[in-house]
Amino acid sequence: MVRYGYEAFAGFHVMQLITDCNPLLLFSDPKAVPSASPWSLYQHGSLGSMEANVMAGRALFRRFQLLEGLRRCAIFIVQEKVMQGTSRAADSRAFRRIAPKSLELVLVSKSVAFAFCGRLSAQQPTEVEYFDPERDWPKPIVFHASFSVVMEEMAFLGDTRSRCEC
């Protein structure tokens, strides 16, 4: 579920990804995802070595389908991660890091996304276009503040201070 926030500046939009506390293991190479579930990794104590922590200031790549079946991709910067629960136990904290309630994301404008990570955007299938809320979000936004998308791929791009990681 995606919830629209507001247009921040020059084509940058703030939105919220509602995860319902589903585990998100993000890797810089989506093909490196282990066959084990995040919960079984957690139970066997190997989650810490596998986890790519989703922190503020990190860039994410997402490819998804809209309800009409249109495929889109986008680059987001994580602005804030809303955690679940308050347990101080180390094992609970480790699981909470990969199972946030939601992520507040800033959608990077297409021109900046292509400058920041143009090769990745160019590698997408030809029918996949860059997500534009003005074109792709159901209208009027005030009556469609939230809508569901089907996730195809989500990958961690790295720290936004360095474009060398793309």
N, C-alpha and C. Protein backbone atom coordinates (compact mmCIF):
# COMPACT_ATOMS: atom_id res chain seq x y z
N MET A 1 0.86 -1.17 0.00
CA MET A 1 0.00 0.00 0.00
C MET A 1 0.91 1.24 0.00
N VAL A 2 0.58 2.18 -0.83
CA VAL A 2 1.32 3.43 -0.92
C VAL A 2 0.37 4.57 -0.56
N ARG A 3 0.84 5.49 0.27
CA ARG A 3 0.03 6.65 0.68
C ARG A 3 0.75 7.93 0.25
N TYR A 4 0.04 8.79 -0.45
CA TYR A 4 0.62 10.04 -0.94
C TYR A 4 0.72 11.05 0.20
N GLY A 5 1.82 11.78 0.26
CA GLY A 5 1.99 12.83 1.26
C GLY A 5 1.81 14.20 0.62
N TYR A 6 2.81 14.65 -0.12
CA TYR A 6 2.77 15.98 -0.73
C TYR A 6 3.92 16.12 -1.71
N GLU A 7 3.81 17.12 -2.59
CA GLU A 7 4.93 17.44 -3.48
C GLU A 7 5.87 18.35 -2.70
N ALA A 8 7.09 17.89 -2.52
CA ALA A 8 8.05 18.63 -1.70
C ALA A 8 8.67 19.78 -2.48
N PHE A 9 9.25 19.50 -3.66
CA PHE A 9 9.95 20.52 -4.41
C PHE A 9 10.37 19.94 -5.75
N ALA A 10 10.17 20.67 -6.82
CA ALA A 10 10.71 20.38 -8.15
C ALA A 10 10.55 18.91 -8.57
N GLY A 11 9.36 18.37 -8.44
CA GLY A 11 9.13 17.00 -8.88
C GLY A 11 9.46 15.93 -7.86
N PHE A 12 9.90 16.32 -6.68
CA PHE A 12 10.14 15.37 -5.60
C PHE A 12 8.83 15.25 -4.81
N HIS A 13 8.38 14.01 -4.57
CA HIS A 13 7.13 13.77 -3.86
C HIS A 13 7.40 12.92 -2.63
N VAL A 14 6.73 13.25 -1.52
CA VAL A 14 6.86 12.47 -0.29
C VAL A 14 5.67 11.52 -0.22
N MET A 15 5.97 10.24 0.02
CA MET A 15 4.92 9.24 0.17
C MET A 15 5.33 8.23 1.21
N GLN A 16 4.40 7.41 1.59
CA GLN A 16 4.63 6.43 2.64
C GLN A 16 4.34 5.04 2.09
N LEU A 17 5.27 4.11 2.28
CA LEU A 17 5.08 2.72 1.92
C LEU A 17 4.65 1.99 3.19
N ILE A 18 3.41 1.50 3.21
CA ILE A 18 2.89 0.78 4.36
C ILE A 18 3.27 -0.68 4.18
N THR A 19 4.10 -1.20 5.08
CA THR A 19 4.60 -2.58 4.94
C THR A 19 3.83 -3.58 5.77
N ASP A 20 2.96 -3.11 6.68
CA ASP A 20 2.23 -4.00 7.60
C ASP A 20 3.18 -4.93 8.35
N CYS A 21 4.36 -4.43 8.65
CA CYS A 21 5.38 -5.15 9.41
C CYS A 21 5.86 -6.42 8.70
N ASN A 22 5.73 -6.45 7.38
CA ASN A 22 6.30 -7.57 6.61
C ASN A 22 7.80 -7.37 6.50
N PRO A 23 8.58 -8.43 6.66
CA PRO A 23 10.04 -8.29 6.60
C PRO A 23 10.53 -7.82 5.24
N LEU A 24 11.46 -6.88 5.25
CA LEU A 24 12.09 -6.38 4.03
C LEU A 24 13.58 -6.63 4.16
N LEU A 25 14.09 -7.59 3.43
CA LEU A 25 15.53 -7.79 3.35
C LEU A 25 15.95 -7.18 2.03
N LEU A 26 16.74 -6.13 2.10
CA LEU A 26 17.13 -5.40 0.89
C LEU A 26 18.61 -5.63 0.61
N PHE A 27 18.89 -6.02 -0.60
CA PHE A 27 20.26 -6.29 -1.01
C PHE A 27 20.61 -5.42 -2.19
N SER A 28 21.89 -5.14 -2.37
CA SER A 28 22.29 -4.36 -3.53
C SER A 28 22.19 -5.19 -4.80
N ASP A 29 22.20 -6.51 -4.68
CA ASP A 29 21.98 -7.40 -5.83
C ASP A 29 20.73 -8.22 -5.55
N PRO A 30 19.59 -7.91 -6.20
CA PRO A 30 18.35 -8.63 -5.91
C PRO A 30 18.44 -10.13 -6.16
N LYS A 31 19.39 -10.58 -6.97
CA LYS A 31 19.54 -12.00 -7.24
C LYS A 31 20.23 -12.73 -6.09
N ALA A 32 20.76 -11.99 -5.11
CA ALA A 32 21.47 -12.59 -3.98
C ALA A 32 20.55 -12.90 -2.80
N VAL A 33 19.25 -12.80 -2.99
CA VAL A 33 18.32 -13.05 -1.90
C VAL A 33 18.36 -14.54 -1.55
N PRO A 34 18.52 -14.87 -0.25
CA PRO A 34 18.59 -16.28 0.14
C PRO A 34 17.23 -16.95 -0.01
N SER A 35 17.24 -18.28 -0.13
CA SER A 35 15.98 -19.02 -0.28
C SER A 35 15.22 -19.11 1.04
N ALA A 36 15.89 -18.93 2.16
CA ALA A 36 15.24 -18.98 3.48
C ALA A 36 14.41 -17.72 3.70
N SER A 37 13.37 -17.85 4.48
CA SER A 37 12.55 -16.68 4.80
C SER A 37 13.25 -15.82 5.84
N PRO A 38 12.93 -14.53 5.90
CA PRO A 38 13.54 -13.68 6.94
C PRO A 38 13.28 -14.20 8.35
N TRP A 39 12.09 -14.77 8.57
CA TRP A 39 11.77 -15.28 9.91
C TRP A 39 12.66 -16.47 10.27
N SER A 40 12.90 -17.39 9.32
CA SER A 40 13.77 -18.53 9.64
C SER A 40 15.22 -18.09 9.83
N LEU A 41 15.66 -17.08 9.08
CA LEU A 41 17.00 -16.53 9.31
C LEU A 41 17.09 -15.96 10.73
N TYR A 42 16.05 -15.27 11.13
CA TYR A 42 15.98 -14.69 12.47
C TYR A 42 16.04 -15.79 13.53
N GLN A 43 15.27 -16.88 13.34
CA GLN A 43 15.22 -17.96 14.32
C GLN A 43 16.55 -18.70 14.42
N HIS A 44 17.30 -18.78 13.33
CA HIS A 44 18.58 -19.48 13.36
C HIS A 44 19.75 -18.56 13.71
N GLY A 45 19.47 -17.32 14.01
CA GLY A 45 20.51 -16.40 14.45
C GLY A 45 21.41 -15.88 13.36
N SER A 46 21.05 -16.06 12.09
CA SER A 46 21.93 -15.58 11.02
C SER A 46 21.37 -14.34 10.33
N LEU A 47 20.37 -13.73 10.94
CA LEU A 47 19.76 -12.54 10.34
C LEU A 47 20.72 -11.37 10.32
N GLY A 48 21.48 -11.17 11.38
CA GLY A 48 22.37 -10.02 11.48
C GLY A 48 23.35 -9.94 10.34
N SER A 49 23.87 -11.09 9.89
CA SER A 49 24.84 -11.07 8.80
C SER A 49 24.18 -10.85 7.45
N MET A 50 22.87 -11.15 7.33
CA MET A 50 22.17 -11.04 6.06
C MET A 50 21.49 -9.69 5.88
N GLU A 51 21.24 -9.00 6.97
CA GLU A 51 20.40 -7.81 6.93
C GLU A 51 21.09 -6.64 6.25
N ALA A 52 20.37 -5.97 5.37
CA ALA A 52 20.79 -4.68 4.85
C ALA A 52 19.87 -3.67 5.52
N ASN A 53 20.40 -2.94 6.45
CA ASN A 53 19.57 -2.05 7.26
C ASN A 53 19.00 -0.92 6.42
N VAL A 54 17.70 -0.71 6.52
CA VAL A 54 17.03 0.36 5.80
C VAL A 54 17.06 1.58 6.69
N MET A 55 17.90 2.54 6.37
CA MET A 55 18.07 3.71 7.22
C MET A 55 17.79 4.97 6.43
N ALA A 56 17.53 6.04 7.15
CA ALA A 56 17.31 7.33 6.51
C ALA A 56 18.54 7.71 5.69
N GLY A 57 18.30 8.33 4.55
CA GLY A 57 19.40 8.76 3.70
C GLY A 57 19.85 7.70 2.72
N ARG A 58 19.23 6.53 2.73
CA ARG A 58 19.59 5.47 1.80
C ARG A 58 18.67 5.48 0.59
N ALA A 59 19.18 5.06 -0.53
CA ALA A 59 18.39 5.05 -1.77
C ALA A 59 17.87 3.66 -2.05
N LEU A 60 16.63 3.60 -2.53
CA LEU A 60 15.98 2.34 -2.90
C LEU A 60 15.53 2.42 -4.35
N PHE A 61 15.64 1.30 -5.04
CA PHE A 61 15.07 1.17 -6.37
C PHE A 61 13.85 0.26 -6.24
N ARG A 62 12.75 0.65 -6.86
CA ARG A 62 11.53 -0.17 -6.83
C ARG A 62 10.97 -0.30 -8.24
N ARG A 63 10.56 -1.52 -8.58
CA ARG A 63 9.79 -1.75 -9.80
C ARG A 63 8.48 -2.38 -9.36
N PHE A 64 7.36 -1.88 -9.87
CA PHE A 64 6.06 -2.31 -9.39
C PHE A 64 5.02 -2.19 -10.49
N GLN A 65 3.86 -2.78 -10.23
CA GLN A 65 2.73 -2.70 -11.15
C GLN A 65 1.62 -1.90 -10.49
N LEU A 66 1.03 -1.02 -11.27
CA LEU A 66 -0.15 -0.29 -10.82
C LEU A 66 -1.36 -1.20 -10.99
N LEU A 67 -2.48 -0.81 -10.41
CA LEU A 67 -3.68 -1.63 -10.48
C LEU A 67 -4.14 -1.90 -11.92
N GLU A 68 -3.89 -0.96 -12.82
CA GLU A 68 -4.28 -1.13 -14.22
C GLU A 68 -3.32 -2.06 -14.97
N GLY A 69 -2.29 -2.55 -14.30
CA GLY A 69 -1.32 -3.44 -14.94
C GLY A 69 -0.12 -2.74 -15.52
N LEU A 70 -0.11 -1.39 -15.50
CA LEU A 70 1.05 -0.65 -16.01
C LEU A 70 2.24 -0.88 -15.09
N ARG A 71 3.41 -1.08 -15.69
CA ARG A 71 4.63 -1.31 -14.90
C ARG A 71 5.41 -0.02 -14.81
N ARG A 72 5.88 0.27 -13.60
CA ARG A 72 6.64 1.49 -13.33
C ARG A 72 7.87 1.16 -12.50
N CYS A 73 8.84 2.05 -12.55
CA CYS A 73 10.00 1.96 -11.68
C CYS A 73 10.25 3.34 -11.09
N ALA A 74 10.98 3.39 -10.00
CA ALA A 74 11.28 4.68 -9.36
C ALA A 74 12.45 4.51 -8.42
N ILE A 75 13.10 5.63 -8.17
CA ILE A 75 14.16 5.68 -7.16
C ILE A 75 13.67 6.56 -6.03
N PHE A 76 13.80 6.04 -4.81
CA PHE A 76 13.34 6.73 -3.61
C PHE A 76 14.50 6.93 -2.65
N ILE A 77 14.39 7.95 -1.83
CA ILE A 77 15.31 8.13 -0.71
C ILE A 77 14.49 7.90 0.55
N VAL A 78 14.99 7.06 1.44
CA VAL A 78 14.29 6.78 2.69
C VAL A 78 14.44 8.00 3.60
N GLN A 79 13.33 8.61 3.94
CA GLN A 79 13.35 9.78 4.81
C GLN A 79 13.22 9.37 6.28
N GLU A 80 12.36 8.39 6.54
CA GLU A 80 12.15 7.94 7.91
C GLU A 80 11.62 6.51 7.88
N LYS A 81 11.98 5.74 8.90
CA LYS A 81 11.47 4.39 9.06
C LYS A 81 10.71 4.34 10.36
N VAL A 82 9.43 3.94 10.31
CA VAL A 82 8.60 3.83 11.51
C VAL A 82 8.65 2.38 11.96
N MET A 83 9.18 2.18 13.16
CA MET A 83 9.39 0.83 13.70
C MET A 83 8.16 0.35 14.44
N GLN A 84 8.06 -0.96 14.60
CA GLN A 84 7.00 -1.57 15.39
C GLN A 84 7.52 -1.90 16.78
N GLY A 85 6.63 -1.93 17.77
CA GLY A 85 6.97 -2.38 19.12
C GLY A 85 8.01 -1.54 19.82
N THR A 86 8.27 -1.90 21.08
CA THR A 86 9.24 -1.14 21.88
C THR A 86 10.18 -2.04 22.65
N SER A 87 10.21 -3.33 22.37
CA SER A 87 11.06 -4.25 23.12
C SER A 87 12.52 -3.87 22.96
N ARG A 88 13.26 -3.97 24.05
CA ARG A 88 14.69 -3.65 24.02
C ARG A 88 15.56 -4.88 23.82
N ALA A 89 14.96 -6.06 23.75
CA ALA A 89 15.74 -7.28 23.56
C ALA A 89 16.43 -7.24 22.19
N ALA A 90 17.67 -7.70 22.15
CA ALA A 90 18.46 -7.62 20.92
C ALA A 90 17.81 -8.37 19.76
N ASP A 91 17.25 -9.56 20.03
CA ASP A 91 16.65 -10.31 18.93
C ASP A 91 15.41 -9.60 18.39
N SER A 92 14.63 -8.96 19.25
CA SER A 92 13.46 -8.21 18.79
C SER A 92 13.88 -6.99 17.98
N ARG A 93 14.94 -6.30 18.42
CA ARG A 93 15.43 -5.13 17.67
C ARG A 93 15.91 -5.54 16.29
N ALA A 94 16.59 -6.69 16.20
CA ALA A 94 17.09 -7.17 14.90
C ALA A 94 15.95 -7.43 13.94
N PHE A 95 14.88 -8.04 14.44
CA PHE A 95 13.74 -8.31 13.55
C PHE A 95 13.01 -7.03 13.19
N ARG A 96 12.88 -6.10 14.14
CA ARG A 96 12.19 -4.84 13.87
C ARG A 96 12.89 -4.04 12.78
N ARG A 97 14.23 -4.14 12.68
CA ARG A 97 14.95 -3.38 11.67
C ARG A 97 14.56 -3.79 10.26
N ILE A 98 14.16 -5.06 10.08
CA ILE A 98 13.77 -5.49 8.74
C ILE A 98 12.26 -5.57 8.59
N ALA A 99 11.50 -5.28 9.63
CA ALA A 99 10.04 -5.36 9.55
C ALA A 99 9.42 -4.06 10.08
N PRO A 100 9.67 -2.94 9.40
CA PRO A 100 9.09 -1.67 9.87
C PRO A 100 7.59 -1.62 9.59
N LYS A 101 6.90 -0.75 10.34
CA LYS A 101 5.48 -0.52 10.06
C LYS A 101 5.33 0.18 8.71
N SER A 102 6.20 1.14 8.48
CA SER A 102 6.14 1.89 7.23
C SER A 102 7.47 2.57 6.96
N LEU A 103 7.63 2.98 5.72
CA LEU A 103 8.79 3.76 5.31
C LEU A 103 8.29 5.06 4.71
N GLU A 104 8.80 6.18 5.19
CA GLU A 104 8.49 7.45 4.54
C GLU A 104 9.56 7.67 3.49
N LEU A 105 9.12 7.80 2.24
CA LEU A 105 10.02 7.86 1.10
C LEU A 105 9.87 9.16 0.35
N VAL A 106 10.95 9.61 -0.24
CA VAL A 106 10.92 10.76 -1.14
C VAL A 106 11.18 10.23 -2.54
N LEU A 107 10.17 10.38 -3.41
CA LEU A 107 10.31 9.99 -4.80
C LEU A 107 11.21 11.00 -5.49
N VAL A 108 12.30 10.53 -6.03
CA VAL A 108 13.25 11.38 -6.74
C VAL A 108 12.70 11.66 -8.13
N SER A 109 12.78 12.91 -8.56
CA SER A 109 12.28 13.27 -9.90
C SER A 109 13.04 12.48 -10.96
N LYS A 110 12.40 12.29 -12.11
CA LYS A 110 12.98 11.48 -13.18
C LYS A 110 14.33 12.01 -13.64
N SER A 111 14.46 13.32 -13.79
CA SER A 111 15.74 13.87 -14.27
C SER A 111 16.86 13.61 -13.28
N VAL A 112 16.58 13.76 -12.00
CA VAL A 112 17.61 13.50 -10.98
C VAL A 112 17.90 12.01 -10.90
N ALA A 113 16.86 11.16 -10.99
CA ALA A 113 17.05 9.71 -10.93
C ALA A 113 17.95 9.24 -12.07
N PHE A 114 17.73 9.76 -13.27
CA PHE A 114 18.56 9.35 -14.40
C PHE A 114 19.99 9.86 -14.26
N ALA A 115 20.17 11.03 -13.66
CA ALA A 115 21.53 11.53 -13.42
C ALA A 115 22.21 10.72 -12.33
N PHE A 116 21.46 10.35 -11.31
CA PHE A 116 22.00 9.62 -10.16
C PHE A 116 22.29 8.17 -10.51
N CYS A 117 21.42 7.56 -11.29
CA CYS A 117 21.53 6.13 -11.56
C CYS A 117 20.95 5.78 -12.92
N GLY A 118 21.40 6.45 -13.95
CA GLY A 118 20.84 6.28 -15.28
C GLY A 118 21.01 4.90 -15.87
N ARG A 119 22.14 4.24 -15.59
CA ARG A 119 22.35 2.90 -16.13
C ARG A 119 21.30 1.92 -15.64
N LEU A 120 20.97 1.99 -14.35
CA LEU A 120 19.96 1.09 -13.80
C LEU A 120 18.60 1.35 -14.43
N SER A 121 18.25 2.61 -14.59
CA SER A 121 16.96 2.95 -15.20
C SER A 121 16.91 2.50 -16.65
N ALA A 122 18.02 2.61 -17.37
CA ALA A 122 18.07 2.21 -18.77
C ALA A 122 17.99 0.70 -18.95
N GLN A 123 18.30 -0.08 -17.91
CA GLN A 123 18.28 -1.54 -17.99
C GLN A 123 16.88 -2.12 -17.81
N GLN A 124 15.89 -1.29 -17.50
CA GLN A 124 14.54 -1.79 -17.29
C GLN A 124 13.90 -2.18 -18.61
N PRO A 125 12.97 -3.14 -18.58
CA PRO A 125 12.27 -3.52 -19.83
C PRO A 125 11.62 -2.30 -20.48
N THR A 126 11.44 -2.35 -21.78
CA THR A 126 10.96 -1.17 -22.52
C THR A 126 9.57 -0.71 -22.08
N GLU A 127 8.72 -1.61 -21.59
CA GLU A 127 7.37 -1.20 -21.17
C GLU A 127 7.34 -0.57 -19.77
N VAL A 128 8.47 -0.58 -19.07
CA VAL A 128 8.53 0.00 -17.73
C VAL A 128 8.93 1.47 -17.84
N GLU A 129 8.06 2.35 -17.38
CA GLU A 129 8.34 3.78 -17.40
C GLU A 129 8.61 4.27 -15.98
N TYR A 130 9.23 5.43 -15.88
CA TYR A 130 9.49 6.01 -14.57
C TYR A 130 8.17 6.52 -13.98
N PHE A 131 7.95 6.25 -12.70
CA PHE A 131 6.70 6.61 -12.02
C PHE A 131 6.58 8.13 -11.88
N ASP A 132 5.45 8.67 -12.30
CA ASP A 132 5.16 10.10 -12.18
C ASP A 132 3.80 10.25 -11.50
N PRO A 133 3.76 10.73 -10.25
CA PRO A 133 2.48 10.84 -9.53
C PRO A 133 1.44 11.69 -10.27
N GLU A 134 1.89 12.71 -10.99
CA GLU A 134 0.93 13.56 -11.71
C GLU A 134 0.24 12.80 -12.82
N ARG A 135 0.90 11.82 -13.40
CA ARG A 135 0.33 11.03 -14.48
C ARG A 135 -0.29 9.71 -13.96
N ASP A 136 0.39 9.06 -12.99
CA ASP A 136 0.04 7.70 -12.60
C ASP A 136 -0.85 7.58 -11.37
N TRP A 137 -0.90 8.59 -10.52
CA TRP A 137 -1.70 8.48 -9.30
C TRP A 137 -3.17 8.69 -9.65
N PRO A 138 -4.09 7.86 -9.11
CA PRO A 138 -5.52 8.06 -9.38
C PRO A 138 -5.98 9.46 -8.99
N LYS A 139 -6.83 10.06 -9.83
CA LYS A 139 -7.29 11.43 -9.61
C LYS A 139 -8.70 11.43 -9.06
N PRO A 140 -9.09 12.40 -8.29
CA PRO A 140 -8.24 13.37 -7.61
C PRO A 140 -7.52 12.72 -6.43
N ILE A 141 -6.30 13.16 -6.20
CA ILE A 141 -5.47 12.56 -5.16
C ILE A 141 -6.15 12.66 -3.79
N VAL A 142 -6.89 13.72 -3.57
CA VAL A 142 -7.55 13.92 -2.27
C VAL A 142 -8.50 12.76 -1.94
N PHE A 143 -9.11 12.14 -2.95
CA PHE A 143 -10.01 11.01 -2.72
C PHE A 143 -9.32 9.66 -2.88
N HIS A 144 -8.08 9.68 -3.33
CA HIS A 144 -7.30 8.45 -3.52
C HIS A 144 -5.94 8.60 -2.85
N ALA A 145 -5.94 8.95 -1.58
CA ALA A 145 -4.68 9.19 -0.88
C ALA A 145 -3.82 7.93 -0.80
N SER A 146 -4.46 6.76 -0.79
CA SER A 146 -3.73 5.49 -0.73
C SER A 146 -4.18 4.60 -1.87
N PHE A 147 -3.26 3.80 -2.39
CA PHE A 147 -3.64 2.76 -3.34
C PHE A 147 -2.61 1.65 -3.31
N SER A 148 -3.03 0.49 -3.76
CA SER A 148 -2.16 -0.69 -3.71
C SER A 148 -1.34 -0.81 -4.99
N VAL A 149 -0.15 -1.33 -4.83
CA VAL A 149 0.71 -1.65 -5.97
C VAL A 149 1.22 -3.08 -5.77
N VAL A 150 1.60 -3.72 -6.85
CA VAL A 150 2.17 -5.06 -6.79
C VAL A 150 3.68 -4.91 -6.95
N MET A 151 4.41 -5.26 -5.90
CA MET A 151 5.87 -5.14 -5.94
C MET A 151 6.47 -6.22 -6.82
N GLU A 152 7.35 -5.83 -7.73
CA GLU A 152 8.09 -6.78 -8.53
C GLU A 152 9.52 -6.90 -8.03
N GLU A 153 10.10 -5.78 -7.70
CA GLU A 153 11.50 -5.77 -7.26
C GLU A 153 11.75 -4.55 -6.39
N MET A 154 12.51 -4.74 -5.32
CA MET A 154 12.95 -3.61 -4.51
C MET A 154 14.39 -3.91 -4.09
N ALA A 155 15.28 -2.98 -4.35
CA ALA A 155 16.69 -3.20 -4.06
C ALA A 155 17.29 -1.97 -3.41
N PHE A 156 18.27 -2.20 -2.57
CA PHE A 156 19.02 -1.18 -1.87
C PHE A 156 20.11 -0.67 -2.82
N LEU A 157 20.14 0.63 -3.06
CA LEU A 157 21.14 1.19 -3.98
C LEU A 157 22.39 1.68 -3.27
N GLY A 158 22.29 1.96 -2.00
CA GLY A 158 23.45 2.43 -1.26
C GLY A 158 23.21 3.78 -0.62
N ASP A 159 24.25 4.31 -0.07
CA ASP A 159 24.21 5.61 0.59
C ASP A 159 24.11 6.68 -0.47
N THR A 160 23.20 7.63 -0.31
CA THR A 160 22.98 8.65 -1.33
C THR A 160 24.12 9.65 -1.43
N ARG A 161 25.08 9.58 -0.54
CA ARG A 161 26.21 10.52 -0.63
C ARG A 161 27.16 10.12 -1.74
N SER A 162 27.04 8.89 -2.26
CA SER A 162 27.97 8.42 -3.27
C SER A 162 27.21 7.82 -4.45
N ARG A 163 27.36 8.39 -5.64
CA ARG A 163 26.69 7.80 -6.80
C ARG A 163 27.53 6.70 -7.41
N CYS A 164 28.71 6.41 -6.87
CA CYS A 164 29.55 5.35 -7.39
C CYS A 164 28.96 3.96 -7.15
N GLU A 165 28.02 3.82 -6.21
CA GLU A 165 27.46 2.52 -5.87
C GLU A 165 26.39 2.08 -6.85
N CYS A 166 25.93 2.96 -7.73
CA CYS A 166 24.85 2.57 -8.67
C CYS A 166 25.39 1.76 -9.82
